[in-house]
């Protein structure tokens, strides 16, 4: 991704609790002989104004955080009279922990526009660690095939699919010792490309992530993935890109489908903006929503795993969301 010896790296996942891809993140930037390691500053979710001050004082050039937290820091800087593009030295941003550019290209555009920096994505999870990372070409995540065997299989038959087809990813670790993984089903629907990348690497590239098979929603007989609606909302001009989908049942037992969308400060015609969102969502996933508009900042901000889908048809969903909001209020 273009790490240089004079870079200063700010790691914005809490040290303790859930560390998203933490070990692999340190290996990536730690430097390989004869390259020296670069400074890594451990960050902390919370006291975000202090984080911004630290970034300016130390001259941080790299950020590593969730897409939602990266965008929140840019918003906070602007609210405090700072220009993220001019008043900071950030030139590269590595995101993870939430659907990023590999799944939703529009996410990259918003982050790069906000910071004036290059944004790179990676894929991984607690069981596999980070196993696919973008290079400077930003054409998908290069799979670490010297560390894992990747198979894309049919979700129904469980048989391997031809190269280039979308299917469920299965990972076998070649390096795990304490907890070996053999054909571990990660539930992600992905597509691989084995065309040689412009950077020269010949490994397979994870070029698209559609979402987790167990995250698929079915509302009024229409099936869609959270990433599909996120792509629609991220592409709506005039919005902040923040949204919340609420699925529930009415008194007759019929599914209800509500999309809450933040509108930007430049939006004056709220009714026109609402109708525009309705059309875009309907065209994008084939389901007509009830659109509720929320002013910028009204949906709250989350540091890790931003809440975007609330399916209140599921037991305990409301309580889980309230707890998530409570945990994120501090940051």
Protein backbone atom coordinates (compact mmCIF):
# COMPACT_ATOMS: atom_id res chain seq x y z
CA UNK A 1 0.00 0.00 0.00
CA UNK A 2 3.01 2.28 -0.16
CA UNK A 3 4.35 2.37 3.39
CA UNK A 4 7.50 4.48 3.62
CA UNK A 5 10.21 4.63 6.27
CA UNK A 6 9.16 8.07 7.54
CA UNK A 7 5.48 7.16 7.99
CA UNK A 8 3.74 7.33 11.37
CA UNK A 9 0.90 4.85 11.80
CA UNK A 10 -2.12 5.40 14.09
CA UNK A 11 -3.94 2.18 15.01
CA UNK A 12 -7.52 3.07 16.02
CA UNK A 13 -8.87 -0.19 17.40
CA UNK A 14 -8.86 -0.46 21.17
CA UNK A 15 -5.99 -2.43 22.69
CA UNK A 16 -8.07 -4.98 24.53
CA UNK A 17 -11.47 -6.52 23.88
CA UNK A 18 -12.12 -6.93 20.17
CA UNK A 19 -8.98 -6.25 18.15
CA UNK A 20 -10.02 -6.34 14.52
CA UNK A 21 -7.24 -7.95 12.49
CA UNK A 22 -4.78 -6.54 15.00
CA UNK A 23 -1.94 -9.05 14.75
CA UNK A 24 -1.90 -9.07 10.97
CA UNK A 25 -2.07 -5.27 10.94
CA UNK A 26 1.14 -5.00 12.93
CA UNK A 27 2.92 -7.56 10.77
CA UNK A 28 1.91 -5.61 7.66
CA UNK A 29 3.41 -2.30 8.76
CA UNK A 30 6.19 -3.65 10.95
CA UNK A 31 8.67 -3.82 8.11
CA UNK A 32 10.54 -6.76 6.61
CA UNK A 33 14.35 -6.88 6.41
CA UNK A 34 16.13 -4.79 5.31
CA UNK A 35 13.29 -2.26 5.76
CA UNK A 36 13.09 -0.74 9.26
CA UNK A 37 9.79 -0.87 11.17
CA UNK A 38 7.76 2.33 11.30
CA UNK A 39 6.28 3.90 14.46
CA UNK A 40 2.85 2.55 15.41
CA UNK A 41 0.80 4.73 17.76
CA UNK A 42 -1.86 2.76 19.68
CA UNK A 43 -5.10 4.70 19.59
CA UNK A 44 -8.24 4.38 21.64
CA UNK A 45 -11.93 4.73 20.82
CA UNK A 46 -13.19 7.67 22.82
CA UNK A 47 -11.91 11.21 23.42
CA UNK A 48 -11.93 11.76 19.68
CA UNK A 49 -10.94 15.43 19.96
CA UNK A 50 -7.76 14.32 21.72
CA UNK A 51 -7.13 11.89 18.88
CA UNK A 52 -7.33 14.72 16.37
CA UNK A 53 -4.94 16.81 18.46
CA UNK A 54 -2.54 13.87 18.66
CA UNK A 55 -2.71 13.34 14.91
CA UNK A 56 -1.76 16.97 14.27
CA UNK A 57 0.94 17.15 16.95
CA UNK A 58 2.73 13.94 15.98
CA UNK A 59 2.12 14.29 12.26
CA UNK A 60 0.32 10.98 11.73
CA UNK A 61 0.45 9.91 8.06
CA UNK A 62 -1.48 6.62 8.23
CA UNK A 63 -4.82 5.75 9.82
CA UNK A 64 -6.10 2.22 10.49
CA UNK A 65 -9.75 2.09 11.60
CA UNK A 66 -13.27 1.17 10.58
CA UNK A 67 -14.69 3.17 7.64
CA UNK A 68 -17.34 4.70 9.88
CA UNK A 69 -14.81 5.94 12.44
CA UNK A 70 -12.54 7.39 9.77
CA UNK A 71 -15.46 9.39 8.40
CA UNK A 72 -16.56 10.42 11.89
CA UNK A 73 -13.10 11.86 12.63
CA UNK A 74 -13.30 13.90 9.43
CA UNK A 75 -16.73 15.21 10.46
CA UNK A 76 -15.47 16.07 13.94
CA UNK A 77 -12.44 17.88 12.57
CA UNK A 78 -14.65 19.98 10.31
CA UNK A 79 -17.01 20.84 13.18
CA UNK A 80 -14.00 22.09 15.14
CA UNK A 81 -12.84 24.41 12.38
CA UNK A 82 -10.20 22.10 10.89
CA UNK A 83 -9.82 20.97 7.31
CA UNK A 84 -9.00 17.22 7.21
CA UNK A 85 -7.36 17.68 3.81
CA UNK A 86 -5.11 20.60 4.80
CA UNK A 87 -4.61 20.61 8.56
CA UNK A 88 -3.43 17.00 8.85
CA UNK A 89 -0.65 14.98 7.22
CA UNK A 90 -2.74 11.84 6.63
CA UNK A 91 -1.92 10.45 3.20
CA UNK A 92 -2.99 6.81 3.48
CA UNK A 93 -5.91 5.11 5.24
CA UNK A 94 -6.32 1.38 5.83
CA UNK A 95 -9.87 0.35 6.74
CA UNK A 96 -11.32 -2.89 8.05
CA UNK A 97 -13.86 -4.36 10.43
CA UNK A 98 -16.84 -3.23 8.34
CA UNK A 99 -17.83 -3.45 4.66
CA UNK A 100 -15.26 -1.33 2.86
CA UNK A 101 -14.28 -0.53 -0.74
CA UNK A 102 -13.94 -4.18 -1.81
CA UNK A 103 -17.63 -4.64 -1.02
CA UNK A 104 -18.84 -1.08 -1.64
CA UNK A 105 -16.65 1.07 -3.93
CA UNK A 106 -18.58 4.20 -2.91
CA UNK A 107 -17.04 3.94 0.58
CA UNK A 108 -13.58 4.59 -0.86
CA UNK A 109 -14.77 7.71 -2.64
CA UNK A 110 -16.27 9.24 0.50
CA UNK A 111 -13.18 8.55 2.60
CA UNK A 112 -10.74 9.81 0.00
CA UNK A 113 -12.80 12.95 -0.60
CA UNK A 114 -13.02 13.67 3.14
CA UNK A 115 -9.30 13.28 3.88
CA UNK A 116 -7.60 13.87 0.53
CA UNK A 117 -5.81 10.56 1.17
CA UNK A 118 -5.64 7.16 -0.49
CA UNK A 119 -7.89 4.49 1.04
CA UNK A 120 -7.16 0.76 1.04
CA UNK A 121 -9.26 -2.16 2.18
CA UNK A 122 -8.55 -5.61 3.56
CA UNK A 123 -10.48 -8.76 4.34
CA UNK A 124 -10.27 -11.07 7.31
CA UNK A 125 -11.96 -12.19 10.49
CA UNK A 126 -11.05 -13.39 13.96
CA UNK A 127 -10.72 -17.02 12.88
CA UNK A 128 -8.63 -16.43 9.74
CA UNK A 129 -6.94 -13.11 10.60
CA UNK A 130 -6.34 -10.67 7.74
CA UNK A 131 -5.86 -12.72 4.59
CA UNK A 132 -6.46 -10.31 1.70
CA UNK A 133 -5.14 -6.76 1.39
CA UNK A 134 -5.27 -4.21 -1.41
CA UNK A 135 -2.13 -2.85 -3.07
CA UNK A 136 -1.54 0.55 -4.65
CA UNK A 137 -3.59 -0.54 -7.69
CA UNK A 138 -6.75 -0.84 -5.54
CA UNK A 139 -8.20 -3.61 -7.71
CA UNK A 140 -9.17 -5.95 -4.90
CA UNK A 141 -7.51 -7.67 -1.97
CA UNK A 142 -4.47 -9.83 -2.75
CA UNK A 143 -5.06 -13.20 -1.11
CA UNK A 144 -2.20 -14.49 1.03
CA UNK A 145 -2.03 -17.85 -0.70
CA UNK A 146 1.23 -18.77 1.02
CA UNK A 147 -0.67 -18.72 4.33
CA UNK A 148 -4.10 -20.09 3.40
CA UNK A 149 -5.87 -22.12 0.72
CA UNK A 150 -8.92 -20.28 -0.63
CA UNK A 151 -11.84 -22.07 -2.26
CA UNK A 152 -15.00 -20.53 -3.68
CA UNK A 153 -17.85 -23.03 -3.52
CA UNK A 154 -21.50 -23.22 -4.46
CA UNK A 155 -23.57 -22.37 -1.34
CA UNK A 156 -26.05 -25.16 -2.13
CA UNK A 157 -23.96 -28.03 -3.51
CA UNK A 158 -20.76 -27.12 -1.60
CA UNK A 159 -18.77 -27.95 -4.75
CA UNK A 160 -15.94 -25.71 -6.06
CA UNK A 161 -17.03 -23.10 -8.63
CA UNK A 162 -15.16 -22.11 -11.80
CA UNK A 163 -12.73 -19.19 -11.45
CA UNK A 164 -14.44 -15.81 -11.45
CA UNK A 165 -17.86 -16.94 -10.23
CA UNK A 166 -19.46 -15.60 -7.06
CA UNK A 167 -19.68 -18.13 -4.26
CA UNK A 168 -19.08 -18.86 -0.59
CA UNK A 169 -15.49 -18.61 0.60
CA UNK A 170 -13.86 -21.57 2.36
CA UNK A 171 -10.44 -21.12 3.98
CA UNK A 172 -7.83 -23.69 5.04
CA UNK A 173 -4.98 -22.28 7.10
CA UNK A 174 -1.44 -23.39 6.29
CA UNK A 175 0.12 -21.72 9.32
CA UNK A 176 -2.30 -22.24 12.22
CA UNK A 177 -1.05 -24.57 14.96
CA UNK A 178 -3.08 -24.05 18.11
CA UNK A 179 -6.42 -23.96 16.31
CA UNK A 180 -6.06 -25.34 12.78
CA UNK A 181 -8.72 -24.40 10.22
CA UNK A 182 -9.59 -26.98 7.57
CA UNK A 183 -12.06 -25.82 4.90
CA UNK A 184 -13.51 -23.25 7.30
CA UNK A 185 -16.72 -21.78 5.89
CA UNK A 186 -16.59 -18.01 6.51
CA UNK A 187 -20.10 -17.45 5.07
CA UNK A 188 -18.92 -14.58 2.85
CA UNK A 189 -20.05 -14.44 -0.77
CA UNK A 190 -16.99 -13.39 -2.78
CA UNK A 191 -15.51 -13.31 -6.27
CA UNK A 192 -11.83 -13.97 -7.09
CA UNK A 193 -9.83 -12.81 -10.11
CA UNK A 194 -6.52 -14.38 -11.14
CA UNK A 195 -5.51 -11.83 -13.77
CA UNK A 196 -2.00 -10.54 -13.06
CA UNK A 197 -2.27 -7.26 -11.15
CA UNK A 198 -0.59 -4.06 -12.29
CA UNK A 199 1.67 -4.28 -9.24
CA UNK A 200 3.09 -7.55 -10.62
CA UNK A 201 1.60 -9.92 -8.09
CA UNK A 202 0.10 -13.13 -9.48
CA UNK A 203 -1.91 -14.22 -6.44
CA UNK A 204 -5.68 -14.34 -6.58
CA UNK A 205 -7.46 -11.07 -5.83
CA UNK A 206 -10.70 -10.82 -3.90
CA UNK A 207 -12.42 -8.35 -6.21
CA UNK A 208 -15.89 -8.26 -4.68
CA UNK A 209 -17.60 -9.17 -1.43
CA UNK A 210 -21.36 -9.38 -1.67
CA UNK A 211 -22.02 -10.05 1.99
CA UNK A 212 -22.50 -12.88 4.44
CA UNK A 213 -24.99 -15.56 3.50
CA UNK A 214 -26.50 -15.45 6.98
CA UNK A 215 -26.96 -11.65 6.75
CA UNK A 216 -29.33 -11.85 3.81
CA UNK A 217 -32.72 -10.30 4.55
CA UNK A 218 -36.07 -11.42 3.25
CA UNK A 219 -38.79 -8.76 3.37
CA UNK A 220 -42.13 -9.32 1.62
CA UNK A 221 -40.58 -12.14 -0.42
CA UNK A 222 -37.73 -9.87 -1.64
CA UNK A 223 -34.21 -10.99 -0.74
CA UNK A 224 -31.25 -8.61 -0.45
CA UNK A 225 -27.97 -8.16 1.37
CA UNK A 226 -27.12 -5.19 3.64
CA UNK A 227 -24.22 -4.28 1.34
CA UNK A 228 -26.64 -3.84 -1.56
CA UNK A 229 -28.67 -1.17 0.18
CA UNK A 230 -25.53 0.46 1.58
CA UNK A 231 -24.22 0.83 -1.96
CA UNK A 232 -27.46 2.57 -2.94
CA UNK A 233 -27.39 5.01 -0.01
CA UNK A 234 -23.69 5.78 -0.42
CA UNK A 235 -24.42 6.78 -4.01
CA UNK A 236 -27.25 9.21 -3.22
CA UNK A 237 -26.08 12.78 -3.79
CA UNK A 238 -26.83 15.15 -0.93
CA UNK A 239 -26.81 12.52 1.80
CA UNK A 240 -24.10 11.86 4.37
CA UNK A 241 -24.04 8.16 3.51
CA UNK A 242 -25.32 7.24 6.97
CA UNK A 243 -28.48 5.17 7.15
CA UNK A 244 -30.43 2.71 9.27
CA UNK A 245 -32.76 0.05 7.92
CA UNK A 246 -35.53 -1.00 10.29
CA UNK A 247 -37.49 -4.17 9.53
CA UNK A 248 -40.46 -5.04 11.71
CA UNK A 249 -44.04 -6.30 11.53
CA UNK A 250 -47.23 -4.27 11.73
CA UNK A 251 -50.36 -5.20 13.68
CA UNK A 252 -51.49 -7.48 10.84
CA UNK A 253 -48.21 -9.40 10.82
CA UNK A 254 -47.06 -7.87 7.51
CA UNK A 255 -43.39 -6.91 7.14
CA UNK A 256 -42.57 -3.20 7.38
CA UNK A 257 -39.48 -1.76 5.71
CA UNK A 258 -38.22 1.64 6.84
CA UNK A 259 -35.02 3.36 5.73
CA UNK A 260 -33.75 6.25 7.85
CA UNK A 261 -31.32 8.42 5.91
CA UNK A 262 -29.20 11.37 6.99
CA UNK A 263 -29.40 14.39 4.70
CA UNK A 264 -26.62 16.93 4.30
CA UNK A 265 -26.79 20.57 5.26
CA UNK A 266 -27.15 21.66 1.63
CA UNK A 267 -30.46 19.83 1.16
CA UNK A 268 -33.31 22.36 1.13
CA UNK A 269 -36.04 20.37 -0.63
CA UNK A 270 -36.59 17.57 1.88
CA UNK A 271 -39.66 16.16 0.12
CA UNK A 272 -37.75 15.97 -3.16
CA UNK A 273 -34.79 14.31 -1.46
CA UNK A 274 -37.10 11.78 0.22
CA UNK A 275 -38.71 10.85 -3.10
CA UNK A 276 -35.28 10.51 -4.68
CA UNK A 277 -34.15 8.07 -1.97
CA UNK A 278 -37.37 6.06 -2.38
CA UNK A 279 -36.76 5.67 -6.11
CA UNK A 280 -33.09 4.76 -5.69
CA UNK A 281 -33.80 2.10 -3.06
CA UNK A 282 -36.67 0.63 -5.06
CA UNK A 283 -34.54 0.49 -8.23
CA UNK A 284 -31.56 -0.90 -6.30
CA UNK A 285 -33.14 -3.81 -4.42
CA UNK A 286 -36.67 -4.06 -5.81
CA UNK A 287 -38.43 -3.12 -2.59
CA UNK A 288 -40.28 0.13 -1.85
CA UNK A 289 -39.31 1.63 1.53
CA UNK A 290 -40.81 4.11 3.91
CA UNK A 291 -38.09 6.79 3.98
CA UNK A 292 -37.52 8.81 7.15
CA UNK A 293 -35.10 11.74 6.89
CA UNK A 294 -32.72 12.55 9.72
CA UNK A 295 -30.48 15.65 9.92
CA UNK A 296 -26.72 15.19 9.72
CA UNK A 297 -25.44 13.52 12.89
CA UNK A 298 -28.89 12.32 13.91
CA UNK A 299 -28.16 8.61 13.50
CA UNK A 300 -25.19 8.61 15.84
CA UNK A 301 -21.74 7.26 15.11
CA UNK A 302 -20.17 3.89 15.82
CA UNK A 303 -16.47 3.13 16.13
CA UNK A 304 -16.66 -0.59 15.41
CA UNK A 305 -19.30 -2.41 13.39
CA UNK A 306 -21.66 0.46 12.68
CA UNK A 307 -25.31 -0.50 13.16
CA UNK A 308 -27.06 -0.30 9.79
CA UNK A 309 -29.72 -3.05 9.88
CA UNK A 310 -32.26 -3.56 12.65
CA UNK A 311 -34.42 -6.61 12.16
CA UNK A 312 -36.84 -6.39 15.04
CA UNK A 313 -38.49 -9.58 13.87
CA UNK A 314 -35.63 -11.38 15.59
CA UNK A 315 -35.82 -11.91 19.39
CA UNK A 316 -33.42 -9.69 21.32
CA UNK A 317 -32.59 -7.45 18.36
CA UNK A 318 -33.89 -4.28 20.01
CA UNK A 319 -31.99 -4.89 23.23
CA UNK A 320 -28.78 -5.64 21.32
CA UNK A 321 -29.08 -2.38 19.39
CA UNK A 322 -29.70 -0.32 22.53
CA UNK A 323 -26.60 -1.84 24.13
CA UNK A 324 -24.52 -1.03 21.05
CA UNK A 325 -25.68 2.58 21.12
CA UNK A 326 -24.79 2.83 24.81
CA UNK A 327 -21.28 1.45 24.24
CA UNK A 328 -20.61 3.87 21.35
CA UNK A 329 -21.82 7.05 23.07
CA UNK A 330 -18.43 7.62 24.70
CA UNK A 331 -16.49 7.97 21.51
